Protein backbone atom coordinates (compact mmCIF):
# COMPACT_ATOMS: atom_id res chain seq x y z
CA MET A 1 48.41 122.58 46.09
CA ARG A 2 50.26 121.13 49.08
CA ILE A 3 52.97 118.81 47.77
CA ALA A 4 55.26 116.80 50.04
CA VAL A 5 58.23 114.57 49.26
CA CYS A 6 58.99 111.43 51.25
CA PRO A 7 62.54 110.42 50.25
CA GLY A 8 64.37 107.22 51.07
CA SER A 9 66.30 104.26 49.71
CA PHE A 10 63.35 101.87 50.26
CA ASP A 11 65.55 98.80 49.79
CA PRO A 12 63.02 97.23 50.19
CA VAL A 13 59.81 99.10 51.06
CA THR A 14 58.28 97.80 54.31
CA ASN A 15 54.85 97.95 55.92
CA GLY A 16 56.31 100.65 58.19
CA HIS A 17 56.97 102.79 55.11
CA ILE A 18 53.47 102.10 53.80
CA ASP A 19 52.04 103.17 57.17
CA ILE A 20 53.81 106.53 56.86
CA PHE A 21 52.74 106.98 53.21
CA GLU A 22 49.09 106.25 53.99
CA ARG A 23 48.96 108.67 56.90
CA ALA A 24 51.01 111.41 55.20
CA SER A 25 48.83 111.22 52.08
CA GLY A 26 45.92 112.46 54.20
CA MET A 27 47.86 115.61 55.08
CA PHE A 28 48.84 116.69 51.56
CA ASP A 29 47.28 117.03 48.13
CA LEU A 30 50.15 115.05 46.61
CA LEU A 31 52.75 112.84 48.31
CA ILE A 32 55.78 112.05 46.16
CA VAL A 33 57.59 108.93 47.35
CA ALA A 34 61.08 109.46 45.98
CA VAL A 35 63.70 106.73 45.78
CA PHE A 36 67.07 108.33 46.39
CA HIS A 37 70.20 107.08 44.67
CA ASN A 38 72.84 106.97 47.39
CA PRO A 39 76.26 106.29 45.87
CA GLY A 40 77.55 105.31 49.32
CA LYS A 41 75.20 102.31 49.60
CA LYS A 42 75.13 99.01 47.76
CA PRO A 43 71.41 98.27 47.43
CA MET A 44 69.95 94.80 47.06
CA PHE A 45 67.46 96.04 44.46
CA SER A 46 68.16 98.33 41.51
CA MET A 47 66.59 101.79 41.36
CA ASP A 48 64.08 100.56 38.77
CA GLU A 49 63.14 97.54 40.91
CA ARG A 50 62.59 99.73 43.97
CA VAL A 51 60.44 102.17 41.98
CA GLU A 52 58.41 99.27 40.57
CA MET A 53 57.91 97.72 44.03
CA LEU A 54 56.82 101.09 45.45
CA LYS A 55 54.36 101.70 42.62
CA CYS A 56 52.76 98.33 43.26
CA ALA A 57 52.74 98.78 47.06
CA THR A 58 51.24 102.30 46.93
CA ARG A 59 48.67 101.94 44.16
CA HIS A 60 45.89 101.94 46.77
CA ILE A 61 46.88 105.50 47.81
CA PRO A 62 45.35 107.73 45.11
CA ASN A 63 47.30 110.95 45.76
CA THR A 64 50.72 109.30 45.84
CA ARG A 65 53.27 109.34 43.03
CA VAL A 66 56.50 107.33 42.96
CA ASP A 67 59.65 108.83 41.49
CA SER A 68 63.44 108.55 41.79
CA PHE A 69 66.29 111.04 41.92
CA SER A 70 69.96 111.58 42.60
CA GLY A 71 71.67 114.73 43.76
CA LEU A 72 70.63 117.17 46.47
CA LEU A 73 67.28 116.60 48.12
CA ASN A 74 66.50 120.32 48.38
CA ASP A 75 67.00 120.72 44.61
CA TYR A 76 64.69 117.78 43.94
CA VAL A 77 62.04 119.13 46.32
CA LYS A 78 62.09 122.51 44.55
CA ARG A 79 61.83 120.88 41.11
CA GLN A 80 58.66 119.15 42.33
CA ASN A 81 57.18 122.50 43.47
CA ALA A 82 57.13 121.12 47.01
CA ARG A 83 58.19 122.75 50.27
CA ILE A 84 57.73 119.85 52.66
CA ILE A 85 59.80 116.74 53.35
CA VAL A 86 58.16 113.88 55.25
CA ARG A 87 60.38 111.68 57.39
CA GLY A 88 59.24 108.56 59.21
CA LEU A 89 60.63 107.86 62.66
CA ARG A 90 60.77 104.54 64.50
CA ALA A 91 62.80 105.38 67.59
CA LEU A 92 64.77 108.07 69.35
CA THR A 93 67.91 107.17 67.38
CA ASP A 94 66.02 107.88 64.13
CA PHE A 95 64.99 111.26 65.54
CA GLU A 96 68.55 112.30 66.39
CA TYR A 97 69.78 111.47 62.90
CA GLU A 98 66.79 112.99 61.08
CA PHE A 99 66.77 116.10 63.29
CA GLN A 100 70.37 116.88 62.32
CA ARG A 101 69.52 116.37 58.63
CA ALA A 102 66.45 118.63 58.95
CA LEU A 103 68.50 121.39 60.59
CA LEU A 104 71.07 121.16 57.80
CA MET A 105 68.31 121.30 55.18
CA LYS A 106 66.81 124.34 56.90
CA LYS A 107 70.19 126.09 56.83
CA VAL A 108 70.70 125.27 53.14
CA ASP A 109 67.14 126.17 52.15
CA PRO A 110 64.99 128.00 54.75
CA GLU A 111 61.84 127.61 52.62
CA ILE A 112 61.78 123.82 52.99
CA GLU A 113 60.13 122.33 56.09
CA THR A 114 60.58 118.82 57.45
CA VAL A 115 57.64 116.99 59.00
CA PHE A 116 58.38 114.03 61.27
CA MET A 117 55.86 111.21 61.61
CA MET A 118 56.13 108.42 64.13
CA THR A 119 55.43 105.02 62.65
CA SER A 120 52.67 102.96 64.21
CA THR A 121 53.84 100.91 67.18
CA GLU A 122 53.31 97.64 65.32
CA TYR A 123 56.06 98.64 62.85
CA SER A 124 58.46 100.42 65.20
CA PHE A 125 61.00 97.60 64.98
CA VAL A 126 60.79 97.07 61.20
CA SER A 127 63.76 98.15 59.06
CA SER A 128 64.73 97.35 55.48
CA SER A 129 68.06 95.91 56.63
CA GLY A 130 66.31 93.76 59.24
CA ILE A 131 63.88 92.47 56.60
CA LYS A 132 66.75 91.48 54.30
CA GLU A 133 68.60 89.70 57.11
CA LEU A 134 65.48 87.86 58.26
CA ALA A 135 64.68 86.75 54.69
CA GLN A 136 68.27 85.71 54.01
CA PHE A 137 68.07 83.17 56.82
CA GLY A 138 64.61 81.88 55.92
CA GLY A 139 62.60 83.91 58.44
CA ASP A 140 58.96 84.82 57.87
CA ILE A 141 58.63 88.37 56.52
CA SER A 142 54.99 88.06 55.40
CA LEU A 143 53.64 90.44 58.06
CA LEU A 144 56.41 93.00 57.59
CA VAL A 145 56.30 93.83 53.87
CA PRO A 146 53.59 94.03 51.21
CA LYS A 147 52.88 90.66 49.55
CA SER A 148 54.32 91.80 46.19
CA VAL A 149 57.55 92.88 47.92
CA GLU A 150 57.81 89.60 49.84
CA LYS A 151 57.70 87.71 46.53
CA ARG A 152 60.46 89.89 45.05
CA ILE A 153 62.68 89.45 48.12
CA LEU A 154 62.26 85.67 48.20
CA LYS A 155 62.92 85.47 44.45
CA LYS A 156 66.07 87.60 44.82
CA PHE A 157 67.45 85.33 47.58
CA SER A 158 66.60 82.16 45.63
CA GLU A 159 68.68 83.53 42.72
CA MET A 160 71.70 84.21 44.93
């Protein structure tokens, strides 16, 4: 069985992420979308909220499972019996950052491969931080995130 892990903070999940999940799911028997707990970031949504949003946003992709983890990515990948990490790229700056991470991962664990996927052009400018900023100032995010995620974001800002 070919199992791949697509890790990220997904705070929040965007249509660009969904694009990568949909396309990557066709390449593997199982795609695990894994929400990473990054102690260096202050997320807008809790780990549980992000997992819940991802489950809702990916339920149309049958061979996708949503999970969460903290600690080293290579350890998590091994625990899942996977050998492949999927990383979405929007621009050259993403590639530089992700390439360095992939080389480090390869040095730490030579059995793990990283697969880079370019997002579709229509989502190349979409970022989680950009979505939050746009929503904070009343901008329309309806074409940039799944409907269920849009509702959660707007509710979160109305509570602030």
